[in-house]
Amino acid sequence: MADKVIFIGWSNSVRGREQASQKVFAEAMDFWGRLKAAGEIESVDAVLLDAHGGDLGGFFLIKGEGEKLARVRMSSEMERLMVRANAIVDCLGAVGGVTGDGVARQLGMFLEAASTLG
């Protein structure tokens, strides 16, 4: 069961690079699809946000097991994809996080630290 996530967010396509951004988005969807078929990730959600005046325009939420997601993040294919995406969207970023049972585990560590640190 997935207990970790990779959150990859971006702002907007670089003006004049909208067609290139569609191409890289399709490459990313293909990449995530192949990883899911191979059992390297559990799921991927692609989200495009409505216009809201903020910096976040869309994101991928990739769920899986910690060790597998670590391998994905360190892979040369993901590195290549991130470099390509960074050339055509603003404010690209990737960050790890927890979900499912990982939330309870992390919350338990936080509560333990809070009780011992005051």
Foldseek 3Di string as FASTA:
>chain_A
DWWKKKKKWFFFWDPPCVVLLVVLVVVVVVVLVVCCVVVLFVDKDWFADDDDPDRTGIIIITTHHDVSVVCVCPDPVVVVSQVSNPVTTHPIDMDMDTDDPNVVVVVVVVVVCVVVVD
